[in-house]
Amino acid sequence: MVSGGLKDRCPSCGSEDVDHISRITGYLQAVSGWNSAKRQELKDRKRYNQLA
């Protein structure tokens, strides 16, 4: 299942066995391979919805 945001549990089944994926310049990358500073940067990002 794909879900927006960084969640510690699967919203569908409740499993804690989740992997976070980030899209960077068109490529998908597992966040689990990032160092702790890069993961914190991702958590600190603000997301904005663009109004049409």
PDB file of N, CA and C in Angstrom:
ATOM      1  N   MET A   1       0.845  -1.167   0.000  1.00  0.00           N
ATOM      2  CA  MET A   1       0.000   0.000   0.000  1.00  0.00           C
ATOM      3  C   MET A   1       0.894   1.234   0.000  1.00  0.00           C
ATOM      4  N   VAL A   2       0.459   2.275  -0.668  1.00  0.00           N
ATOM      5  CA  VAL A   2       1.171   3.548  -0.686  1.00  0.00           C
ATOM      6  C   VAL A   2       0.318   4.561   0.049  1.00  0.00           C
ATOM      7  N   SER A   3       0.962   5.298   0.941  1.00  0.00           N
ATOM      8  CA  SER A   3       0.255   6.290   1.748  1.00  0.00           C
ATOM      9  C   SER A   3       1.143   7.509   1.910  1.00  0.00           C
ATOM     10  N   GLY A   4       0.558   8.680   1.874  1.00  0.00           N
ATOM     11  CA  GLY A   4       1.328   9.910   2.026  1.00  0.00           C
ATOM     12  C   GLY A   4       1.804  10.121   3.449  1.00  0.00           C
ATOM     13  N   GLY A   5       2.927  10.795   3.600  1.00  0.00           N
ATOM     14  CA  GLY A   5       3.465  11.099   4.919  1.00  0.00           C
ATOM     15  C   GLY A   5       4.354   9.987   5.453  1.00  0.00           C
ATOM     16  N   LEU A   6       5.008  10.265   6.575  1.00  0.00           N
ATOM     17  CA  LEU A   6       5.888   9.284   7.205  1.00  0.00           C
ATOM     18  C   LEU A   6       5.137   8.630   8.353  1.00  0.00           C
ATOM     19  N   LYS A   7       4.721   7.413   8.155  1.00  0.00           N
ATOM     20  CA  LYS A   7       3.954   6.694   9.176  1.00  0.00           C
ATOM     21  C   LYS A   7       4.776   5.529   9.709  1.00  0.00           C
ATOM     22  N   ASP A   8       4.613   5.222  10.983  1.00  0.00           N
ATOM     23  CA  ASP A   8       5.331   4.112  11.595  1.00  0.00           C
ATOM     24  C   ASP A   8       4.573   2.799  11.484  1.00  0.00           C
ATOM     25  N   ARG A   9       3.303   2.865  11.096  1.00  0.00           N
ATOM     26  CA  ARG A   9       2.458   1.682  10.938  1.00  0.00           C
ATOM     27  C   ARG A   9       1.704   1.764   9.622  1.00  0.00           C
ATOM     28  N   CYS A  10       1.437   0.622   9.035  1.00  0.00           N
ATOM     29  CA  CYS A  10       0.624   0.565   7.825  1.00  0.00           C
ATOM     30  C   CYS A  10      -0.814   0.947   8.178  1.00  0.00           C
ATOM     31  N   PRO A  11      -1.397   1.944   7.485  1.00  0.00           N
ATOM     32  CA  PRO A  11      -2.772   2.338   7.793  1.00  0.00           C
ATOM     33  C   PRO A  11      -3.796   1.273   7.419  1.00  0.00           C
ATOM     34  N   SER A  12      -3.409   0.320   6.578  1.00  0.00           N
ATOM     35  CA  SER A  12      -4.329  -0.724   6.148  1.00  0.00           C
ATOM     36  C   SER A  12      -4.369  -1.907   7.116  1.00  0.00           C
ATOM     37  N   CYS A  13      -3.170  -2.438   7.465  1.00  0.00           N
ATOM     38  CA  CYS A  13      -3.149  -3.653   8.291  1.00  0.00           C
ATOM     39  C   CYS A  13      -2.554  -3.438   9.683  1.00  0.00           C
ATOM     40  N   GLY A  14      -1.936  -2.261   9.916  1.00  0.00           N
ATOM     41  CA  GLY A  14      -1.365  -1.979  11.232  1.00  0.00           C
ATOM     42  C   GLY A  14       0.048  -2.511  11.438  1.00  0.00           C
ATOM     43  N   SER A  15       0.635  -3.119  10.421  1.00  0.00           N
ATOM     44  CA  SER A  15       1.984  -3.675  10.541  1.00  0.00           C
ATOM     45  C   SER A  15       3.009  -2.563  10.760  1.00  0.00           C
ATOM     46  N   GLU A  16       4.024  -2.855  11.574  1.00  0.00           N
ATOM     47  CA  GLU A  16       5.114  -1.914  11.784  1.00  0.00           C
ATOM     48  C   GLU A  16       6.259  -2.176  10.808  1.00  0.00           C
ATOM     49  N   ASP A  17       6.120  -3.176   9.953  1.00  0.00           N
ATOM     50  CA  ASP A  17       7.133  -3.519   8.960  1.00  0.00           C
ATOM     51  C   ASP A  17       6.896  -2.667   7.712  1.00  0.00           C
ATOM     52  N   VAL A  18       7.273  -1.381   7.784  1.00  0.00           N
ATOM     53  CA  VAL A  18       7.065  -0.454   6.680  1.00  0.00           C
ATOM     54  C   VAL A  18       8.404   0.098   6.208  1.00  0.00           C
ATOM     55  N   ASP A  19       8.456   0.501   4.963  1.00  0.00           N
ATOM     56  CA  ASP A  19       9.638   1.166   4.423  1.00  0.00           C
ATOM     57  C   ASP A  19       9.174   2.480   3.835  1.00  0.00           C
ATOM     58  N   HIS A  20       9.891   3.538   4.109  1.00  0.00           N
ATOM     59  CA  HIS A  20       9.551   4.855   3.590  1.00  0.00           C
ATOM     60  C   HIS A  20      10.276   5.057   2.273  1.00  0.00           C
ATOM     61  N   ILE A  21       9.547   5.584   1.297  1.00  0.00           N
ATOM     62  CA  ILE A  21      10.094   5.835  -0.029  1.00  0.00           C
ATOM     63  C   ILE A  21       9.953   7.327  -0.304  1.00  0.00           C
ATOM     64  N   SER A  22      10.986   7.927  -0.865  1.00  0.00           N
ATOM     65  CA  SER A  22      10.951   9.346  -1.214  1.00  0.00           C
ATOM     66  C   SER A  22      11.214   9.499  -2.706  1.00  0.00           C
ATOM     67  N   ARG A  23      10.535  10.445  -3.313  1.00  0.00           N
ATOM     68  CA  ARG A  23      10.742  10.735  -4.729  1.00  0.00           C
ATOM     69  C   ARG A  23      11.630  11.971  -4.816  1.00  0.00           C
ATOM     70  N   ILE A  24      12.824  11.783  -5.365  1.00  0.00           N
ATOM     71  CA  ILE A  24      13.778  12.884  -5.496  1.00  0.00           C
ATOM     72  C   ILE A  24      14.117  13.018  -6.978  1.00  0.00           C
ATOM     73  N   THR A  25      13.867  14.169  -7.528  1.00  0.00           N
ATOM     74  CA  THR A  25      14.107  14.459  -8.949  1.00  0.00           C
ATOM     75  C   THR A  25      13.671  13.313  -9.865  1.00  0.00           C
ATOM     76  N   GLY A  26      12.496  12.784  -9.600  1.00  0.00           N
ATOM     77  CA  GLY A  26      11.920  11.771 -10.472  1.00  0.00           C
ATOM     78  C   GLY A  26      12.289  10.340 -10.151  1.00  0.00           C
ATOM     79  N   TYR A  27      13.165  10.120  -9.183  1.00  0.00           N
ATOM     80  CA  TYR A  27      13.581   8.764  -8.816  1.00  0.00           C
ATOM     81  C   TYR A  27      13.020   8.391  -7.457  1.00  0.00           C
ATOM     82  N   LEU A  28      12.631   7.140  -7.293  1.00  0.00           N
ATOM     83  CA  LEU A  28      12.174   6.644  -5.997  1.00  0.00           C
ATOM     84  C   LEU A  28      13.355   6.036  -5.262  1.00  0.00           C
ATOM     85  N   GLN A  29      13.454   6.344  -3.973  1.00  0.00           N
ATOM     86  CA  GLN A  29      14.580   5.860  -3.184  1.00  0.00           C
ATOM     87  C   GLN A  29      14.088   5.488  -1.795  1.00  0.00           C
ATOM     88  N   ALA A  30      14.561   4.351  -1.281  1.00  0.00           N
ATOM     89  CA  ALA A  30      14.204   3.923   0.075  1.00  0.00           C
ATOM     90  C   ALA A  30      14.912   4.811   1.087  1.00  0.00           C
ATOM     91  N   VAL A  31      14.160   5.359   2.010  1.00  0.00           N
ATOM     92  CA  VAL A  31      14.704   6.230   3.042  1.00  0.00           C
ATOM     93  C   VAL A  31      15.564   5.433   4.020  1.00  0.00           C
ATOM     94  N   SER A  32      15.348   4.148   4.120  1.00  0.00           N
ATOM     95  CA  SER A  32      16.106   3.317   5.059  1.00  0.00           C
ATOM     96  C   SER A  32      17.603   3.330   4.768  1.00  0.00           C
ATOM     97  N   GLY A  33      17.999   3.670   3.540  1.00  0.00           N
ATOM     98  CA  GLY A  33      19.410   3.739   3.193  1.00  0.00           C
ATOM     99  C   GLY A  33      20.051   5.080   3.500  1.00  0.00           C
ATOM    100  N   TRP A  34      19.264   6.035   3.976  1.00  0.00           N
ATOM    101  CA  TRP A  34      19.776   7.369   4.267  1.00  0.00           C
ATOM    102  C   TRP A  34      20.400   7.429   5.654  1.00  0.00           C
ATOM    103  N   ASN A  35      21.327   8.384   5.843  1.00  0.00           N
ATOM    104  CA  ASN A  35      21.885   8.578   7.183  1.00  0.00           C
ATOM    105  C   ASN A  35      20.875   9.333   8.046  1.00  0.00           C
ATOM    106  N   SER A  36      21.128   9.393   9.345  1.00  0.00           N
ATOM    107  CA  SER A  36      20.151   9.966  10.283  1.00  0.00           C
ATOM    108  C   SER A  36      19.883  11.446  10.020  1.00  0.00           C
ATOM    109  N   ALA A  37      20.885  12.199   9.594  1.00  0.00           N
ATOM    110  CA  ALA A  37      20.688  13.632   9.317  1.00  0.00           C
ATOM    111  C   ALA A  37      19.757  13.829   8.123  1.00  0.00           C
ATOM    112  N   LYS A  38      19.931  13.026   7.087  1.00  0.00           N
ATOM    113  CA  LYS A  38      19.076  13.129   5.905  1.00  0.00           C
ATOM    114  C   LYS A  38      17.636  12.726   6.229  1.00  0.00           C
ATOM    115  N   ARG A  39      17.460  11.681   7.064  1.00  0.00           N
ATOM    116  CA  ARG A  39      16.102  11.273   7.481  1.00  0.00           C
ATOM    117  C   ARG A  39      15.438  12.377   8.295  1.00  0.00           C
ATOM    118  N   GLN A  40      16.192  13.041   9.175  1.00  0.00           N
ATOM    119  CA  GLN A  40      15.621  14.132   9.974  1.00  0.00           C
ATOM    120  C   GLN A  40      15.225  15.297   9.069  1.00  0.00           C
ATOM    121  N   GLU A  41      16.021  15.575   8.062  1.00  0.00           N
ATOM    122  CA  GLU A  41      15.694  16.639   7.110  1.00  0.00           C
ATOM    123  C   GLU A  41      14.351  16.342   6.433  1.00  0.00           C
ATOM    124  N   LEU A  42      14.130  15.097   6.058  1.00  0.00           N
ATOM    125  CA  LEU A  42      12.868  14.708   5.438  1.00  0.00           C
ATOM    126  C   LEU A  42      11.701  14.922   6.402  1.00  0.00           C
ATOM    127  N   LYS A  43      11.885  14.550   7.668  1.00  0.00           N
ATOM    128  CA  LYS A  43      10.818  14.728   8.664  1.00  0.00           C
ATOM    129  C   LYS A  43      10.512  16.203   8.909  1.00  0.00           C
ATOM    130  N   ASP A  44      11.522  17.061   8.789  1.00  0.00           N
ATOM    131  CA  ASP A  44      11.360  18.489   9.065  1.00  0.00           C
ATOM    132  C   ASP A  44      10.747  19.265   7.910  1.00  0.00           C
ATOM    133  N   ARG A  45      10.661  18.661   6.728  1.00  0.00           N
ATOM    134  CA  ARG A  45      10.125  19.377   5.568  1.00  0.00           C
ATOM    135  C   ARG A  45       8.669  19.750   5.780  1.00  0.00           C
ATOM    136  N   LYS A  46       8.316  20.911   5.287  1.00  0.00           N
ATOM    137  CA  LYS A  46       6.924  21.372   5.313  1.00  0.00           C
ATOM    138  C   LYS A  46       6.302  21.082   3.957  1.00  0.00           C
ATOM    139  N   ARG A  47       5.101  20.596   3.967  1.00  0.00           N
ATOM    140  CA  ARG A  47       4.398  20.324   2.717  1.00  0.00           C
ATOM    141  C   ARG A  47       3.246  21.314   2.557  1.00  0.00           C
ATOM    142  N   TYR A  48       3.108  21.824   1.373  1.00  0.00           N
ATOM    143  CA  TYR A  48       2.057  22.802   1.078  1.00  0.00           C
ATOM    144  C   TYR A  48       1.209  22.286  -0.073  1.00  0.00           C
ATOM    145  N   ASN A  49      -0.087  22.494   0.031  1.00  0.00           N
ATOM    146  CA  ASN A  49      -0.984  22.151  -1.058  1.00  0.00           C
ATOM    147  C   ASN A  49      -1.170  23.393  -1.917  1.00  0.00           C
ATOM    148  N   GLN A  50      -0.959  23.244  -3.201  1.00  0.00           N
ATOM    149  CA  GLN A  50      -1.111  24.370  -4.100  1.00  0.00           C
ATOM    150  C   GLN A  50      -2.588  24.507  -4.445  1.00  0.00           C
ATOM    151  N   LEU A  51      -3.109  25.713  -4.303  1.00  0.00           N
ATOM    152  CA  LEU A  51      -4.505  25.963  -4.633  1.00  0.00           C
ATOM    153  C   LEU A  51      -4.631  26.184  -6.138  1.00  0.00           C
ATOM    154  N   ALA A  52      -5.641  25.540  -6.723  1.00  0.00           N
ATOM    155  CA  ALA A  52      -5.838  25.664  -8.181  1.00  0.00           C
ATOM    156  C   ALA A  52      -6.632  26.893  -8.510  1.00  0.00           C
TER     157      ALA A  52
END
